[in-house]
Amino acid sequence: MASSSARIDPKTRKPLPEGIRYRADRNKYQVRVWATGLNGEDRERSYLVDTLGEAKKIRSEMRSQVRADGMTLNAWQVRHWPSLTEGLRPATTAAYERGWRLRVQPWLGHRKIESIGVSDVDDAITGWSGSASTRNDALAVLSRLLEGAARAEIIGVNPVRLARRPRGERPSSFRSRALTLSEVATMLDSVDEGPHRDYLAALVYTGMRAGEASALRVGDVDLAHGVIHVRRSFSPAGGGRVREQSPKSHKERTVPLPSALRSIIVRRVASLGRNELVFTGPNGGRLNTSNVRRAVDWDELRNRLDRPDLRIHDLRHTLATLLFDAGAAANDVQAILGHSSMQVTERYSRARSDAAVRANGALDKLMGTE
């Protein structure tokens, strides 16, 4: 797999066009293209040239030899898949593979790319089984395939852009999924003292994602300043393996270390080396949502809280709502949670949910009925 630096032009520091990479070991540009061989088969070819201009010229000339007519989505998936999945997280790649195998391929794999229109995509979405999230995963892989075909000038435009995306039934706001302070206390009191209780406390008091807390190392904890630096995350890599990588969106951030968690962290790091994991299981193994749910009997915990749909990820929602209720500024909450946009962050705020209450006061004052 090519490194991310190979996709950046060393001269302009801008992303290189699809199909072109910079080979630092050769000090040349590498262009990969598909063309029709002498016996009519499609073949991938690779060329090394001195300049980006030469690479673009070769790519343009060779693309004109690609036989777009009659190319099915199946054929394009085989050809384009390496580019499509390059740089993706393992979990994302696995979701795309499932979406392709179980939904996109059975419905549209046999179709010629240029024959797939918006109505075909809409029909597929309606016919696919699974939740809105599952169908959106399938739609995402279809969109990336057709976007690649559009960039390769096999089709004029990606029809998925105009399709209606599945929408599941969601709570009116993330606040409805968050626990109250009393529910937090009940949850922690319901779990035996030990590594699993410590782990859940870290999730609810820092807002870290489960994979981020699992990957936390002693050197990431700054007791002097009362903060934790989120620098990495564990993600499933298939076959029971785990991959260490940067946090979501590749952004490191700093989260609070409140007094309610500080004593737990101090106890856990006391005898550990700088590079050792802060949170591990009773026998020193890695923690993840699956083994934590089993260890604490998550279904029984849900019953005690009367929260039949409670997820471990909702502990992250809990911190966001607590921060807003404590008067934290929206941009601070965004930074702590690591949200990509303020729109996501503001879904945790009471500002809009309290609008009707504030409106009552304004109307009563206007009408003199206070």
Protein backbone atom coordinates (compact mmCIF):
# COMPACT_ATOMS: atom_id res chain seq x y z
CA MET A 1 0.00 0.00 0.00
CA ALA A 2 1.32 3.41 -0.93
CA SER A 3 2.02 5.79 1.93
CA SER A 4 0.05 9.01 2.29
CA SER A 5 3.14 11.00 1.29
CA ALA A 6 3.18 9.17 -2.04
CA ARG A 7 -0.16 10.80 -2.87
CA ILE A 8 1.25 14.33 -2.42
CA ASP A 9 3.24 16.09 -5.13
CA PRO A 10 6.60 16.97 -3.50
CA LYS A 11 6.88 20.08 -5.67
CA THR A 12 3.44 21.66 -5.18
CA ARG A 13 2.46 19.86 -1.91
CA LYS A 14 -0.94 19.27 -3.45
CA PRO A 15 -2.75 15.90 -3.77
CA LEU A 16 -1.85 14.01 -6.93
CA PRO A 17 -4.57 12.95 -9.41
CA GLU A 18 -6.06 9.50 -9.02
CA GLY A 19 -3.85 6.81 -10.48
CA ILE A 20 -0.64 8.82 -10.05
CA ARG A 21 1.82 8.39 -7.17
CA TYR A 22 5.22 9.85 -6.39
CA ARG A 23 7.95 7.23 -5.84
CA ALA A 24 10.52 8.80 -3.54
CA ASP A 25 12.75 5.72 -3.89
CA ARG A 26 12.96 6.33 -7.64
CA ASN A 27 12.50 10.11 -7.65
CA LYS A 28 9.85 9.58 -10.32
CA TYR A 29 6.10 9.74 -10.81
CA GLN A 30 4.33 6.40 -11.18
CA VAL A 31 1.14 6.23 -13.19
CA ARG A 32 -1.10 3.16 -13.22
CA VAL A 33 -3.62 2.79 -16.01
CA TRP A 34 -5.90 0.15 -17.47
CA ALA A 35 -5.88 -0.48 -21.17
CA THR A 36 -6.98 -3.07 -23.67
CA GLY A 37 -4.38 -5.67 -24.59
CA LEU A 38 -3.76 -7.21 -28.01
CA ASN A 39 -6.15 -10.08 -27.37
CA GLY A 40 -8.89 -7.78 -26.06
CA GLU A 41 -8.38 -8.32 -22.33
CA ASP A 42 -8.19 -5.44 -19.86
CA ARG A 43 -4.76 -5.11 -18.26
CA GLU A 44 -3.23 -2.79 -15.69
CA ARG A 45 0.02 -1.14 -16.69
CA SER A 46 2.49 0.94 -14.68
CA TYR A 47 4.86 3.61 -15.97
CA LEU A 48 7.60 5.64 -14.23
CA VAL A 49 8.25 9.13 -15.62
CA ASP A 50 10.21 12.20 -14.58
CA THR A 51 7.45 14.82 -14.45
CA LEU A 52 3.83 15.10 -13.41
CA GLY A 53 2.98 16.46 -16.84
CA GLU A 54 4.26 13.28 -18.48
CA ALA A 55 2.28 11.16 -16.03
CA LYS A 56 -0.92 13.07 -16.78
CA LYS A 57 -0.35 12.74 -20.51
CA ILE A 58 0.11 8.98 -20.29
CA ARG A 59 -2.96 8.64 -18.10
CA SER A 60 -5.04 10.65 -20.56
CA GLU A 61 -3.82 8.71 -23.59
CA MET A 62 -4.27 5.30 -22.02
CA ARG A 63 -7.70 6.08 -20.65
CA SER A 64 -8.90 6.66 -24.18
CA GLN A 65 -8.10 2.99 -24.84
CA VAL A 66 -10.28 1.71 -22.00
CA ARG A 67 -13.36 -0.01 -23.32
CA ALA A 68 -16.10 1.61 -21.25
CA ASP A 69 -18.91 0.22 -23.37
CA GLY A 70 -20.18 -2.95 -21.78
CA MET A 71 -18.11 -2.63 -18.59
CA THR A 72 -20.17 -3.95 -15.71
CA LEU A 73 -20.06 -2.73 -12.15
CA ASN A 74 -18.56 -6.11 -11.25
CA ALA A 75 -15.64 -5.53 -13.61
CA TRP A 76 -15.12 -1.99 -12.36
CA GLN A 77 -15.17 -3.14 -8.72
CA VAL A 78 -12.34 -5.59 -9.39
CA ARG A 79 -10.35 -2.88 -11.12
CA HIS A 80 -11.03 0.02 -8.78
CA TRP A 81 -11.19 -1.70 -5.36
CA PRO A 82 -7.49 -1.20 -4.44
CA SER A 83 -7.80 2.55 -5.01
CA LEU A 84 -11.16 2.71 -3.27
CA THR A 85 -9.94 1.09 -0.05
CA GLU A 86 -6.48 2.66 0.06
CA GLY A 87 -5.94 4.45 3.35
CA LEU A 88 -9.26 3.37 4.89
CA ARG A 89 -9.46 2.06 8.42
CA PRO A 90 -9.89 -1.74 8.63
CA ALA A 91 -13.37 -1.43 10.11
CA THR A 92 -14.46 0.83 7.24
CA THR A 93 -13.00 -1.53 4.66
CA ALA A 94 -14.81 -4.47 6.27
CA ALA A 95 -18.12 -2.54 6.20
CA TYR A 96 -17.59 -1.71 2.53
CA GLU A 97 -16.82 -5.35 1.73
CA ARG A 98 -20.05 -6.47 3.41
CA GLY A 99 -22.02 -3.75 1.67
CA TRP A 100 -20.65 -4.78 -1.70
CA ARG A 101 -21.03 -8.55 -1.21
CA LEU A 102 -24.47 -8.60 0.42
CA ARG A 103 -26.24 -5.69 -1.26
CA VAL A 104 -24.57 -3.78 -4.08
CA GLN A 105 -23.25 -6.74 -6.07
CA PRO A 106 -26.47 -8.83 -6.04
CA TRP A 107 -28.55 -5.85 -7.14
CA LEU A 108 -26.31 -3.95 -9.53
CA GLY A 109 -23.10 -5.90 -10.11
CA HIS A 110 -24.27 -7.30 -13.46
CA ARG A 111 -25.36 -3.91 -14.78
CA LYS A 112 -23.32 -1.82 -17.22
CA ILE A 113 -21.96 1.18 -15.37
CA GLU A 114 -23.34 3.72 -17.83
CA SER A 115 -26.85 2.20 -17.52
CA ILE A 116 -27.15 2.80 -13.75
CA GLY A 117 -29.31 5.83 -13.04
CA VAL A 118 -30.76 7.56 -10.00
CA SER A 119 -33.97 5.52 -10.13
CA ASP A 120 -31.91 2.30 -10.14
CA VAL A 121 -30.08 3.45 -7.04
CA ASP A 122 -33.36 4.41 -5.33
CA ASP A 123 -34.84 1.00 -6.18
CA ALA A 124 -31.78 -0.74 -4.77
CA ILE A 125 -31.92 1.23 -1.52
CA THR A 126 -35.59 0.31 -1.11
CA GLY A 127 -34.93 -3.35 -1.83
CA TRP A 128 -31.88 -3.78 0.40
CA SER A 129 -32.44 -5.41 3.76
CA GLY A 130 -31.00 -4.11 7.00
CA SER A 131 -31.10 -0.95 9.06
CA ALA A 132 -30.66 2.53 7.67
CA SER A 133 -27.05 2.49 8.86
CA THR A 134 -26.37 -0.83 7.11
CA ARG A 135 -27.93 0.34 3.86
CA ASN A 136 -26.01 3.61 4.04
CA ASP A 137 -22.78 1.59 4.28
CA ALA A 138 -23.77 -0.19 1.06
CA LEU A 139 -24.70 3.12 -0.56
CA ALA A 140 -21.32 4.55 0.44
CA VAL A 141 -19.38 1.83 -1.36
CA LEU A 142 -21.61 2.16 -4.43
CA SER A 143 -21.05 5.91 -4.42
CA ARG A 144 -17.28 5.55 -4.17
CA LEU A 145 -17.26 3.06 -7.03
CA LEU A 146 -19.32 5.29 -9.29
CA GLU A 147 -17.42 8.40 -8.24
CA GLY A 148 -14.25 6.65 -9.36
CA ALA A 149 -15.90 5.78 -12.66
CA ALA A 150 -16.88 9.43 -13.13
CA ARG A 151 -13.33 10.61 -12.43
CA ALA A 152 -12.07 8.03 -14.91
CA GLU A 153 -14.54 9.53 -17.44
CA ILE A 154 -16.33 6.22 -17.88
CA ILE A 155 -19.59 7.92 -16.88
CA GLY A 156 -20.50 11.57 -16.83
CA VAL A 157 -21.78 11.89 -13.26
CA ASN A 158 -22.21 9.78 -10.14
CA PRO A 159 -25.99 9.06 -9.84
CA VAL A 160 -25.74 8.33 -6.11
CA ARG A 161 -25.31 12.05 -5.49
CA LEU A 162 -28.99 12.56 -6.35
CA ALA A 163 -30.34 9.48 -4.58
CA ARG A 164 -32.37 9.64 -1.39
CA ARG A 165 -30.36 8.29 1.49
CA PRO A 166 -31.97 5.93 4.02
CA ARG A 167 -32.90 7.53 7.31
CA GLY A 168 -33.51 5.53 10.43
CA GLU A 169 -35.65 6.43 13.37
CA ARG A 170 -33.42 8.45 15.65
CA PRO A 171 -34.07 10.16 18.95
CA SER A 172 -34.81 13.86 18.65
CA SER A 173 -31.36 14.65 20.05
CA PHE A 174 -28.30 12.93 21.43
CA ARG A 175 -29.34 14.23 24.86
CA SER A 176 -32.05 11.59 25.04
CA ARG A 177 -29.38 8.90 24.92
CA ALA A 178 -27.24 10.44 27.65
CA LEU A 179 -27.34 9.36 31.29
CA THR A 180 -28.11 11.72 34.13
CA LEU A 181 -25.67 12.12 37.01
CA SER A 182 -27.80 9.84 39.19
CA GLU A 183 -27.88 7.23 36.43
CA VAL A 184 -24.11 7.44 36.11
CA ALA A 185 -23.79 6.72 39.82
CA THR A 186 -26.22 3.79 39.54
CA MET A 187 -24.32 2.34 36.61
CA LEU A 188 -20.94 2.47 38.33
CA ASP A 189 -22.32 1.19 41.64
CA SER A 190 -23.81 -1.77 39.76
CA VAL A 191 -20.40 -2.90 38.48
CA ASP A 192 -17.92 -4.67 40.75
CA GLU A 193 -14.79 -2.75 41.64
CA GLY A 194 -12.00 -3.52 39.22
CA PRO A 195 -10.79 -2.86 35.67
CA HIS A 196 -14.20 -2.90 33.99
CA ARG A 197 -15.69 -0.36 36.39
CA ASP A 198 -12.59 1.83 36.00
CA TYR A 199 -12.91 1.64 32.22
CA LEU A 200 -16.58 2.66 32.21
CA ALA A 201 -15.80 5.55 34.56
CA ALA A 202 -13.11 6.76 32.15
CA LEU A 203 -15.53 6.67 29.23
CA VAL A 204 -18.24 8.67 30.99
CA TYR A 205 -15.92 11.25 32.61
CA THR A 206 -13.65 11.92 29.61
CA GLY A 207 -15.90 11.35 26.59
CA MET A 208 -13.24 9.16 24.96
CA ARG A 209 -14.38 6.64 22.41
CA ALA A 210 -14.06 3.03 23.57
CA GLY A 211 -11.10 2.34 21.27
CA GLU A 212 -9.35 5.49 22.46
CA ALA A 213 -9.67 4.54 26.13
CA SER A 214 -8.47 1.00 25.37
CA ALA A 215 -5.35 2.42 23.70
CA LEU A 216 -4.57 4.98 26.42
CA ARG A 217 -1.00 4.71 27.71
CA VAL A 218 0.50 6.02 30.93
CA GLY A 219 2.50 8.64 29.04
CA ASP A 220 -0.78 10.13 27.73
CA VAL A 221 -1.89 11.05 31.26
CA ASP A 222 -0.85 14.47 32.57
CA LEU A 223 -1.64 14.43 36.28
CA ALA A 224 0.11 17.76 36.87
CA HIS A 225 -2.31 19.61 34.60
CA GLY A 226 -5.31 17.34 35.14
CA VAL A 227 -5.76 16.31 31.51
CA ILE A 228 -5.46 13.27 29.26
CA HIS A 229 -3.98 13.43 25.76
CA VAL A 230 -5.89 11.28 23.25
CA ARG A 231 -3.27 10.25 20.71
CA ARG A 232 -4.28 6.82 19.44
CA SER A 233 -7.09 4.31 19.18
CA PHE A 234 -7.51 0.55 18.83
CA SER A 235 -9.63 -0.65 15.92
CA PRO A 236 -10.62 -4.21 14.90
CA ALA A 237 -8.48 -5.43 12.01
CA GLY A 238 -10.33 -8.70 11.35
CA GLY A 239 -9.57 -12.22 12.51
CA GLY A 240 -9.52 -11.14 16.15
CA ARG A 241 -6.59 -8.80 15.49
CA VAL A 242 -6.38 -5.18 16.63
CA ARG A 243 -4.78 -2.26 14.85
CA GLU A 244 -3.39 0.80 16.63
CA GLN A 245 -4.04 4.02 14.74
CA SER A 246 -4.68 7.72 15.20
CA PRO A 247 -8.02 8.87 16.67
CA LYS A 248 -11.02 9.35 14.42
CA SER A 249 -10.48 12.12 11.86
CA HIS A 250 -6.74 11.71 12.63
CA LYS A 251 -6.93 14.50 15.21
CA GLU A 252 -5.21 14.28 18.57
CA ARG A 253 -6.98 16.14 21.36
CA THR A 254 -6.95 16.76 25.10
CA VAL A 255 -9.78 15.73 27.44
CA PRO A 256 -10.42 16.59 31.10
CA LEU A 257 -9.35 14.49 34.08
CA PRO A 258 -11.97 15.42 36.69
CA SER A 259 -11.66 14.63 40.38
CA ALA A 260 -14.21 11.81 40.05
CA LEU A 261 -11.75 9.96 37.80
CA ARG A 262 -8.41 11.18 39.08
CA SER A 263 -8.10 8.73 41.99
CA ILE A 264 -8.86 5.85 39.63
CA ILE A 265 -6.19 6.93 37.17
CA VAL A 266 -3.62 7.53 39.91
CA ARG A 267 -4.21 4.03 41.27
CA ARG A 268 -4.00 2.41 37.85
CA VAL A 269 -0.78 4.10 36.68
CA ALA A 270 1.08 3.82 39.98
CA SER A 271 3.06 0.69 39.11
CA LEU A 272 3.05 0.97 35.32
CA GLY A 273 5.72 2.06 32.86
CA ARG A 274 5.25 5.04 30.57
CA ASN A 275 4.33 2.94 27.52
CA GLU A 276 2.00 0.49 29.26
CA LEU A 277 -1.76 0.54 28.78
CA VAL A 278 -3.76 2.25 31.51
CA PHE A 279 -6.86 0.07 31.09
CA THR A 280 -6.57 -3.69 30.67
CA GLY A 281 -8.65 -6.69 31.66
CA PRO A 282 -8.16 -8.73 34.86
CA ASN A 283 -5.47 -10.80 33.15
CA GLY A 284 -3.82 -7.91 31.32
CA GLY A 285 -5.64 -8.33 28.01
CA ARG A 286 -6.99 -5.50 25.85
CA LEU A 287 -10.44 -4.19 26.66
CA ASN A 288 -13.11 -3.67 24.01
CA THR A 289 -16.85 -3.09 24.02
CA SER A 290 -17.61 -6.79 23.50
CA ASN A 291 -15.64 -8.21 26.40
CA VAL A 292 -16.67 -5.33 28.70
CA ARG A 293 -20.36 -5.90 27.96
CA ARG A 294 -19.97 -9.58 28.79
CA ALA A 295 -17.97 -8.93 31.95
CA VAL A 296 -20.44 -6.45 33.48
CA ASP A 297 -23.64 -8.18 32.23
CA TRP A 298 -24.70 -5.22 30.12
CA ASP A 299 -28.28 -6.44 29.69
CA GLU A 300 -28.77 -6.57 33.46
CA LEU A 301 -27.24 -3.11 33.73
CA ARG A 302 -29.72 -1.84 31.18
CA ASN A 303 -32.57 -3.28 33.24
CA ARG A 304 -31.38 -1.56 36.41
CA LEU A 305 -31.23 1.76 34.60
CA ASP A 306 -34.47 1.11 32.70
CA ARG A 307 -32.52 1.89 29.52
CA PRO A 308 -33.16 -1.12 27.22
CA ASP A 309 -31.28 0.46 24.30
CA LEU A 310 -28.29 1.87 26.22
CA ARG A 311 -24.98 1.51 24.38
CA ILE A 312 -21.46 1.95 25.68
CA HIS A 313 -21.05 4.76 23.13
CA ASP A 314 -23.82 6.63 24.95
CA LEU A 315 -21.38 7.27 27.79
CA ARG A 316 -19.61 9.63 25.37
CA HIS A 317 -22.94 11.40 24.76
CA THR A 318 -23.28 11.70 28.52
CA LEU A 319 -20.13 13.77 28.96
CA ALA A 320 -21.18 16.14 26.17
CA THR A 321 -24.50 16.88 27.85
CA LEU A 322 -22.89 17.24 31.29
CA LEU A 323 -20.39 19.73 29.90
CA PHE A 324 -23.14 21.87 28.39
CA ASP A 325 -25.18 21.68 31.59
CA ALA A 326 -22.10 22.83 33.52
CA GLY A 327 -21.91 25.93 31.32
CA ALA A 328 -19.05 24.91 29.01
CA ALA A 329 -18.74 26.84 25.76
CA ALA A 330 -19.75 25.03 22.59
CA ASN A 331 -16.30 25.36 21.01
CA ASP A 332 -14.73 23.84 24.15
CA VAL A 333 -17.14 20.90 24.03
CA GLN A 334 -16.32 20.44 20.35
CA ALA A 335 -12.59 20.35 21.09
CA ILE A 336 -12.96 17.88 23.96
CA LEU A 337 -15.22 15.50 22.04
CA GLY A 338 -13.23 15.85 18.82
CA HIS A 339 -16.25 16.60 16.67
CA SER A 340 -15.60 17.52 13.06
CA SER A 341 -18.24 20.26 13.04
CA MET A 342 -20.06 22.56 15.45
CA GLN A 343 -23.39 21.26 14.12
CA VAL A 344 -22.74 17.87 15.72
CA THR A 345 -21.69 19.46 19.01
CA GLU A 346 -24.74 21.68 19.28
CA ARG A 347 -27.05 18.67 19.17
CA TYR A 348 -26.09 18.11 22.82
CA SER A 349 -27.03 21.60 23.93
CA ARG A 350 -30.26 22.48 25.74
CA ALA A 351 -30.41 25.79 23.87
CA ARG A 352 -33.01 24.68 21.33
CA SER A 353 -34.93 22.33 23.62
CA ASP A 354 -35.46 25.21 26.08
CA ALA A 355 -36.58 27.60 23.34
CA ALA A 356 -40.29 27.07 24.08
CA VAL A 357 -39.79 27.83 27.78
CA ARG A 358 -37.96 31.06 26.96
CA ALA A 359 -40.66 31.95 24.43
CA ASN A 360 -43.34 31.68 27.13
CA GLY A 361 -41.55 34.29 29.20
CA ALA A 362 -41.13 36.61 26.22
CA LEU A 363 -44.80 36.31 25.21
CA ASP A 364 -46.06 36.80 28.79
CA LYS A 365 -43.94 39.95 29.08
CA LEU A 366 -45.24 41.28 25.76
CA MET A 367 -48.85 40.63 26.65
CA GLY A 368 -48.54 41.92 30.20
CA THR A 369 -49.57 38.61 31.74
CA GLU A 370 -46.48 37.95 33.85
